Amino acid sequence: MNYGELMVGGLKLMVFGMGMVYVFLVVMIGAMKVMEVVLRPFATLLDPPKPAAAPKKSGSSEEAKLAAIAAAAVARMLRK
């Protein structure tokens, strides 16, 4: 086998592999669309998602002190 035959064989294998990946992705997207249509009637059976809890704004002085300490430490490290 010479170099040219090896290159052609490699290119054929590459095109075949890329084609298989493309076909798989098309089939997967089609299957997902079918599942969407099939499962749509069952979507109402699930509980609606609960809203995320808002973070507490306690405003405590201890948290403010910790934030100031952290900001000072970062500023000092950036000056080095």
N, C-alpha and C. Protein backbone atom coordinates (compact mmCIF):
# COMPACT_ATOMS: atom_id res chain seq x y z
N MET A 1 0.84 -1.18 0.00
CA MET A 1 0.00 0.00 0.00
C MET A 1 0.89 1.25 0.00
N ASN A 2 0.59 2.14 -0.89
CA ASN A 2 1.39 3.36 -0.91
C ASN A 2 0.69 4.46 -0.12
N TYR A 3 1.36 5.58 -0.07
CA TYR A 3 0.87 6.70 0.75
C TYR A 3 -0.47 7.23 0.25
N GLY A 4 -0.66 7.30 -1.04
CA GLY A 4 -1.90 7.80 -1.62
C GLY A 4 -3.10 6.93 -1.27
N GLU A 5 -2.91 5.62 -1.30
CA GLU A 5 -4.00 4.71 -0.96
C GLU A 5 -4.37 4.83 0.52
N LEU A 6 -3.36 5.02 1.36
CA LEU A 6 -3.63 5.20 2.79
C LEU A 6 -4.41 6.48 3.04
N MET A 7 -4.05 7.55 2.33
CA MET A 7 -4.76 8.82 2.50
C MET A 7 -6.22 8.69 2.05
N VAL A 8 -6.44 8.04 0.92
CA VAL A 8 -7.81 7.87 0.43
C VAL A 8 -8.60 7.01 1.40
N GLY A 9 -8.00 5.96 1.91
CA GLY A 9 -8.68 5.11 2.89
C GLY A 9 -9.03 5.89 4.16
N GLY A 10 -8.10 6.71 4.60
CA GLY A 10 -8.34 7.54 5.79
C GLY A 10 -9.46 8.54 5.56
N LEU A 11 -9.47 9.15 4.40
CA LEU A 11 -10.54 10.10 4.08
C LEU A 11 -11.90 9.42 4.01
N LYS A 12 -11.94 8.21 3.41
CA LYS A 12 -13.20 7.46 3.35
C LYS A 12 -13.70 7.15 4.76
N LEU A 13 -12.79 6.72 5.61
CA LEU A 13 -13.16 6.39 6.98
C LEU A 13 -13.64 7.63 7.73
N MET A 14 -12.99 8.77 7.51
CA MET A 14 -13.40 10.00 8.16
C MET A 14 -14.80 10.43 7.71
N VAL A 15 -15.06 10.38 6.40
CA VAL A 15 -16.37 10.76 5.88
C VAL A 15 -17.44 9.80 6.40
N PHE A 16 -17.15 8.52 6.45
CA PHE A 16 -18.10 7.55 6.97
C PHE A 16 -18.41 7.82 8.44
N GLY A 17 -17.38 8.08 9.23
CA GLY A 17 -17.57 8.36 10.65
C GLY A 17 -18.37 9.63 10.87
N MET A 18 -18.05 10.68 10.14
CA MET A 18 -18.79 11.93 10.29
C MET A 18 -20.23 11.77 9.82
N GLY A 19 -20.44 10.98 8.80
CA GLY A 19 -21.80 10.71 8.33
C GLY A 19 -22.61 9.96 9.36
N MET A 20 -21.99 9.00 10.03
CA MET A 20 -22.69 8.24 11.07
C MET A 20 -23.07 9.15 12.23
N VAL A 21 -22.18 10.05 12.60
CA VAL A 21 -22.50 10.99 13.68
C VAL A 21 -23.65 11.89 13.27
N TYR A 22 -23.65 12.38 12.04
CA TYR A 22 -24.72 13.24 11.55
C TYR A 22 -26.05 12.49 11.56
N VAL A 23 -26.05 11.26 11.06
CA VAL A 23 -27.28 10.46 11.04
C VAL A 23 -27.78 10.22 12.46
N PHE A 24 -26.87 9.90 13.38
CA PHE A 24 -27.27 9.68 14.78
C PHE A 24 -27.91 10.93 15.36
N LEU A 25 -27.32 12.10 15.12
CA LEU A 25 -27.88 13.33 15.67
C LEU A 25 -29.26 13.64 15.08
N VAL A 26 -29.46 13.39 13.80
CA VAL A 26 -30.75 13.62 13.17
C VAL A 26 -31.79 12.68 13.78
N VAL A 27 -31.43 11.41 13.95
CA VAL A 27 -32.36 10.44 14.55
C VAL A 27 -32.67 10.83 16.00
N MET A 28 -31.66 11.28 16.75
CA MET A 28 -31.88 11.66 18.14
C MET A 28 -32.82 12.87 18.23
N ILE A 29 -32.64 13.86 17.37
CA ILE A 29 -33.52 15.03 17.38
C ILE A 29 -34.94 14.62 17.02
N GLY A 30 -35.08 13.74 16.04
CA GLY A 30 -36.41 13.25 15.68
C GLY A 30 -37.06 12.51 16.84
N ALA A 31 -36.30 11.68 17.54
CA ALA A 31 -36.85 10.94 18.68
C ALA A 31 -37.25 11.90 19.79
N MET A 32 -36.49 12.96 20.00
CA MET A 32 -36.85 13.94 21.03
C MET A 32 -38.13 14.68 20.67
N LYS A 33 -38.31 15.00 19.39
CA LYS A 33 -39.55 15.66 18.95
C LYS A 33 -40.75 14.74 19.15
N VAL A 34 -40.58 13.45 18.82
CA VAL A 34 -41.67 12.50 19.01
C VAL A 34 -42.01 12.36 20.50
N MET A 35 -40.99 12.29 21.35
CA MET A 35 -41.23 12.18 22.80
C MET A 35 -41.93 13.44 23.32
N GLU A 36 -41.59 14.60 22.77
CA GLU A 36 -42.26 15.83 23.20
C GLU A 36 -43.75 15.76 22.90
N VAL A 37 -44.10 15.30 21.71
CA VAL A 37 -45.50 15.20 21.33
C VAL A 37 -46.22 14.15 22.16
N VAL A 38 -45.57 13.02 22.39
CA VAL A 38 -46.20 11.93 23.14
C VAL A 38 -46.40 12.31 24.60
N LEU A 39 -45.45 12.99 25.21
CA LEU A 39 -45.50 13.29 26.64
C LEU A 39 -46.18 14.61 26.97
N ARG A 40 -46.53 15.41 25.99
CA ARG A 40 -47.15 16.71 26.25
C ARG A 40 -48.42 16.60 27.10
N PRO A 41 -49.30 15.61 26.88
CA PRO A 41 -50.51 15.53 27.72
C PRO A 41 -50.20 15.26 29.20
N PHE A 42 -49.09 14.66 29.50
CA PHE A 42 -48.74 14.33 30.87
C PHE A 42 -48.03 15.47 31.60
N ALA A 43 -47.73 16.56 30.91
CA ALA A 43 -47.00 17.67 31.52
C ALA A 43 -47.81 18.34 32.62
N THR A 44 -49.13 18.30 32.52
CA THR A 44 -49.96 18.94 33.54
C THR A 44 -50.03 18.14 34.83
N LEU A 45 -49.58 16.89 34.80
CA LEU A 45 -49.62 16.06 36.00
C LEU A 45 -48.54 16.45 37.01
N LEU A 46 -47.52 17.11 36.56
CA LEU A 46 -46.43 17.50 37.44
C LEU A 46 -46.81 18.75 38.23
N ASP A 47 -46.28 18.86 39.43
CA ASP A 47 -46.49 20.07 40.22
C ASP A 47 -45.73 21.22 39.60
N PRO A 48 -46.29 22.43 39.63
CA PRO A 48 -45.55 23.57 39.08
C PRO A 48 -44.32 23.84 39.96
N PRO A 49 -43.24 24.32 39.38
CA PRO A 49 -42.05 24.59 40.18
C PRO A 49 -42.31 25.70 41.18
N LYS A 50 -41.74 25.52 42.37
CA LYS A 50 -41.90 26.52 43.42
C LYS A 50 -40.93 27.68 43.16
N PRO A 51 -41.36 28.90 43.43
CA PRO A 51 -40.45 30.03 43.21
C PRO A 51 -39.27 29.94 44.19
N ALA A 52 -38.14 30.38 43.71
CA ALA A 52 -36.94 30.36 44.55
C ALA A 52 -37.09 31.36 45.69
N ALA A 53 -36.60 30.96 46.83
CA ALA A 53 -36.68 31.84 48.00
C ALA A 53 -35.72 33.01 47.82
N ALA A 54 -36.20 34.18 48.15
CA ALA A 54 -35.36 35.37 48.05
C ALA A 54 -34.32 35.34 49.16
N PRO A 55 -33.10 35.75 48.86
CA PRO A 55 -32.07 35.76 49.91
C PRO A 55 -32.44 36.74 51.02
N LYS A 56 -32.09 36.34 52.23
CA LYS A 56 -32.41 37.20 53.38
C LYS A 56 -31.50 38.42 53.40
N LYS A 57 -32.07 39.54 53.73
CA LYS A 57 -31.29 40.77 53.87
C LYS A 57 -31.32 41.13 55.35
N SER A 58 -30.44 40.49 56.07
CA SER A 58 -30.46 40.69 57.52
C SER A 58 -29.81 42.01 57.91
N GLY A 59 -28.80 42.43 57.17
CA GLY A 59 -28.16 43.69 57.47
C GLY A 59 -27.40 43.67 58.80
N SER A 60 -26.99 42.50 59.22
CA SER A 60 -26.30 42.43 60.51
C SER A 60 -24.92 43.07 60.40
N SER A 61 -24.46 43.59 61.49
CA SER A 61 -23.16 44.26 61.50
C SER A 61 -22.02 43.26 61.35
N GLU A 62 -22.24 42.02 61.78
CA GLU A 62 -21.19 41.01 61.66
C GLU A 62 -20.92 40.69 60.19
N GLU A 63 -21.98 40.58 59.39
CA GLU A 63 -21.80 40.33 57.96
C GLU A 63 -21.10 41.50 57.29
N ALA A 64 -21.42 42.71 57.71
CA ALA A 64 -20.78 43.90 57.14
C ALA A 64 -19.30 43.92 57.49
N LYS A 65 -18.96 43.52 58.72
CA LYS A 65 -17.55 43.46 59.12
C LYS A 65 -16.80 42.43 58.30
N LEU A 66 -17.42 41.25 58.10
CA LEU A 66 -16.76 40.21 57.31
C LEU A 66 -16.56 40.66 55.87
N ALA A 67 -17.54 41.35 55.31
CA ALA A 67 -17.41 41.85 53.94
C ALA A 67 -16.28 42.88 53.85
N ALA A 68 -16.17 43.73 54.85
CA ALA A 68 -15.10 44.74 54.85
C ALA A 68 -13.74 44.07 54.97
N ILE A 69 -13.64 43.04 55.80
CA ILE A 69 -12.37 42.33 55.96
C ILE A 69 -11.99 41.65 54.65
N ALA A 70 -12.96 41.01 54.00
CA ALA A 70 -12.67 40.34 52.74
C ALA A 70 -12.25 41.34 51.67
N ALA A 71 -12.91 42.48 51.59
CA ALA A 71 -12.55 43.51 50.62
C ALA A 71 -11.15 44.05 50.89
N ALA A 72 -10.81 44.22 52.15
CA ALA A 72 -9.47 44.71 52.49
C ALA A 72 -8.40 43.70 52.12
N ALA A 73 -8.69 42.41 52.35
CA ALA A 73 -7.73 41.37 52.02
C ALA A 73 -7.51 41.29 50.50
N VAL A 74 -8.57 41.41 49.74
CA VAL A 74 -8.43 41.38 48.28
C VAL A 74 -7.66 42.60 47.80
N ALA A 75 -7.96 43.76 48.35
CA ALA A 75 -7.25 44.97 47.95
C ALA A 75 -5.76 44.88 48.27
N ARG A 76 -5.45 44.30 49.39
CA ARG A 76 -4.04 44.16 49.79
C ARG A 76 -3.31 43.19 48.86
N MET A 77 -3.99 42.09 48.48
CA MET A 77 -3.37 41.13 47.60
C MET A 77 -3.15 41.71 46.20
N LEU A 78 -4.03 42.57 45.77
CA LEU A 78 -3.90 43.18 44.45
C LEU A 78 -2.79 44.21 44.42
N ARG A 79 -2.46 44.82 45.55
CA ARG A 79 -1.38 45.82 45.60
C ARG A 79 -0.01 45.18 45.50
N LYS A 80 0.12 43.93 45.86
CA LYS A 80 1.44 43.27 45.86
C LYS A 80 2.01 43.15 44.50
